[in-house]
Amino acid sequence: MPYNVDAVFQIAGIGIIVAMIHTILKQMGKEDFAHWVTLFGFGVVLFMVAMLIQDLFTTIKNVFLFRM
């Protein structure tokens, strides 16, 4: 059974981009904006994880209730 690792790479990519933007803004002295960027990135990743968990629970429900 092949595993879909696209979501893992997307989350890792978002984390790397947010970390780079946070570092750049912090070095420019815009620490408030850096914190907002980090918070926004966390929200996006949290939303992605919530969607993945919803898909997982739907799949589990379909397996145990024998639905397709």
C-alpha atoms as a PDB file:
ATOM      1  CA  MET A   1       0.000   0.000   0.000  1.00  0.00           C
ATOM      2  CA  PRO A   2       1.689   3.251  -1.093  1.00  0.00           C
ATOM      3  CA  TYR A   3       1.747   6.116   1.378  1.00  0.00           C
ATOM      4  CA  ASN A   4       0.995   9.675   0.395  1.00  0.00           C
ATOM      5  CA  VAL A   5       3.760  11.877   1.763  1.00  0.00           C
ATOM      6  CA  ASP A   6       2.787  15.041  -0.118  1.00  0.00           C
ATOM      7  CA  ALA A   7       1.217  16.558   2.986  1.00  0.00           C
ATOM      8  CA  VAL A   8       4.401  15.983   4.995  1.00  0.00           C
ATOM      9  CA  PHE A   9       6.470  17.777   2.371  1.00  0.00           C
ATOM     10  CA  GLN A  10       3.945  20.624   2.181  1.00  0.00           C
ATOM     11  CA  ILE A  11       4.039  21.108   5.950  1.00  0.00           C
ATOM     12  CA  ALA A  12       7.840  20.969   5.955  1.00  0.00           C
ATOM     13  CA  GLY A  13       7.988  23.496   3.105  1.00  0.00           C
ATOM     14  CA  ILE A  14       5.664  25.879   4.908  1.00  0.00           C
ATOM     15  CA  GLY A  15       7.797  25.527   8.040  1.00  0.00           C
ATOM     16  CA  ILE A  16      11.011  26.312   6.165  1.00  0.00           C
ATOM     17  CA  ILE A  17       9.505  29.324   4.384  1.00  0.00           C
ATOM     18  CA  VAL A  18       7.981  30.703   7.595  1.00  0.00           C
ATOM     19  CA  ALA A  19      11.289  30.246   9.425  1.00  0.00           C
ATOM     20  CA  MET A  20      13.177  32.119   6.696  1.00  0.00           C
ATOM     21  CA  ILE A  21      10.669  34.983   6.632  1.00  0.00           C
ATOM     22  CA  HIS A  22      10.678  35.137  10.439  1.00  0.00           C
ATOM     23  CA  THR A  23      14.491  35.355  10.505  1.00  0.00           C
ATOM     24  CA  ILE A  24      14.602  38.042   7.830  1.00  0.00           C
ATOM     25  CA  LEU A  25      11.945  40.168   9.519  1.00  0.00           C
ATOM     26  CA  LYS A  26      13.591  39.774  12.924  1.00  0.00           C
ATOM     27  CA  GLN A  27      16.946  40.918  11.545  1.00  0.00           C
ATOM     28  CA  MET A  28      15.238  43.945   9.990  1.00  0.00           C
ATOM     29  CA  GLY A  29      13.846  44.865  13.397  1.00  0.00           C
ATOM     30  CA  LYS A  30      10.244  44.015  12.520  1.00  0.00           C
ATOM     31  CA  GLU A  31       9.748  41.528  15.341  1.00  0.00           C
ATOM     32  CA  ASP A  32       5.998  42.125  15.547  1.00  0.00           C
ATOM     33  CA  PHE A  33       5.536  41.196  11.892  1.00  0.00           C
ATOM     34  CA  ALA A  34       7.826  38.201  12.366  1.00  0.00           C
ATOM     35  CA  HIS A  35       5.604  36.889  15.139  1.00  0.00           C
ATOM     36  CA  TRP A  36       2.470  37.432  13.033  1.00  0.00           C
ATOM     37  CA  VAL A  37       4.016  35.509  10.128  1.00  0.00           C
ATOM     38  CA  THR A  38       4.842  32.641  12.474  1.00  0.00           C
ATOM     39  CA  LEU A  39       1.327  32.649  13.902  1.00  0.00           C
ATOM     40  CA  PHE A  40      -0.197  32.687  10.408  1.00  0.00           C
ATOM     41  CA  GLY A  41       2.039  29.777   9.316  1.00  0.00           C
ATOM     42  CA  PHE A  42       1.035  27.823  12.402  1.00  0.00           C
ATOM     43  CA  GLY A  43      -2.633  28.439  11.589  1.00  0.00           C
ATOM     44  CA  VAL A  44      -2.212  27.200   8.025  1.00  0.00           C
ATOM     45  CA  VAL A  45      -0.429  24.036   9.167  1.00  0.00           C
ATOM     46  CA  LEU A  46      -3.020  23.461  11.899  1.00  0.00           C
ATOM     47  CA  PHE A  47      -5.796  23.727   9.294  1.00  0.00           C
ATOM     48  CA  MET A  48      -3.985  21.236   7.027  1.00  0.00           C
ATOM     49  CA  VAL A  49      -3.563  18.763   9.888  1.00  0.00           C
ATOM     50  CA  ALA A  50      -7.233  19.141  10.836  1.00  0.00           C
ATOM     51  CA  MET A  51      -8.256  18.269   7.272  1.00  0.00           C
ATOM     52  CA  LEU A  52      -5.972  15.211   7.305  1.00  0.00           C
ATOM     53  CA  ILE A  53      -7.442  14.047  10.621  1.00  0.00           C
ATOM     54  CA  GLN A  54     -10.951  14.538   9.244  1.00  0.00           C
ATOM     55  CA  ASP A  55     -10.058  12.342   6.248  1.00  0.00           C
ATOM     56  CA  LEU A  56      -8.586   9.744   8.598  1.00  0.00           C
ATOM     57  CA  PHE A  57     -11.731   9.592  10.735  1.00  0.00           C
ATOM     58  CA  THR A  58     -13.919   9.378   7.633  1.00  0.00           C
ATOM     59  CA  THR A  59     -11.854   6.477   6.336  1.00  0.00           C
ATOM     60  CA  ILE A  60     -11.981   4.697   9.700  1.00  0.00           C
ATOM     61  CA  LYS A  61     -15.744   5.189   9.901  1.00  0.00           C
ATOM     62  CA  ASN A  62     -16.188   3.834   6.378  1.00  0.00           C
ATOM     63  CA  VAL A  63     -14.046   0.776   7.121  1.00  0.00           C
ATOM     64  CA  PHE A  64     -15.805  -0.182  10.328  1.00  0.00           C
ATOM     65  CA  LEU A  65     -19.316   0.555   9.034  1.00  0.00           C
ATOM     66  CA  PHE A  66     -18.541  -1.202   5.714  1.00  0.00           C
ATOM     67  CA  ARG A  67     -19.428   1.794   3.582  1.00  0.00           C
ATOM     68  CA  MET A  68     -17.777   2.799   0.372  1.00  0.00           C
END
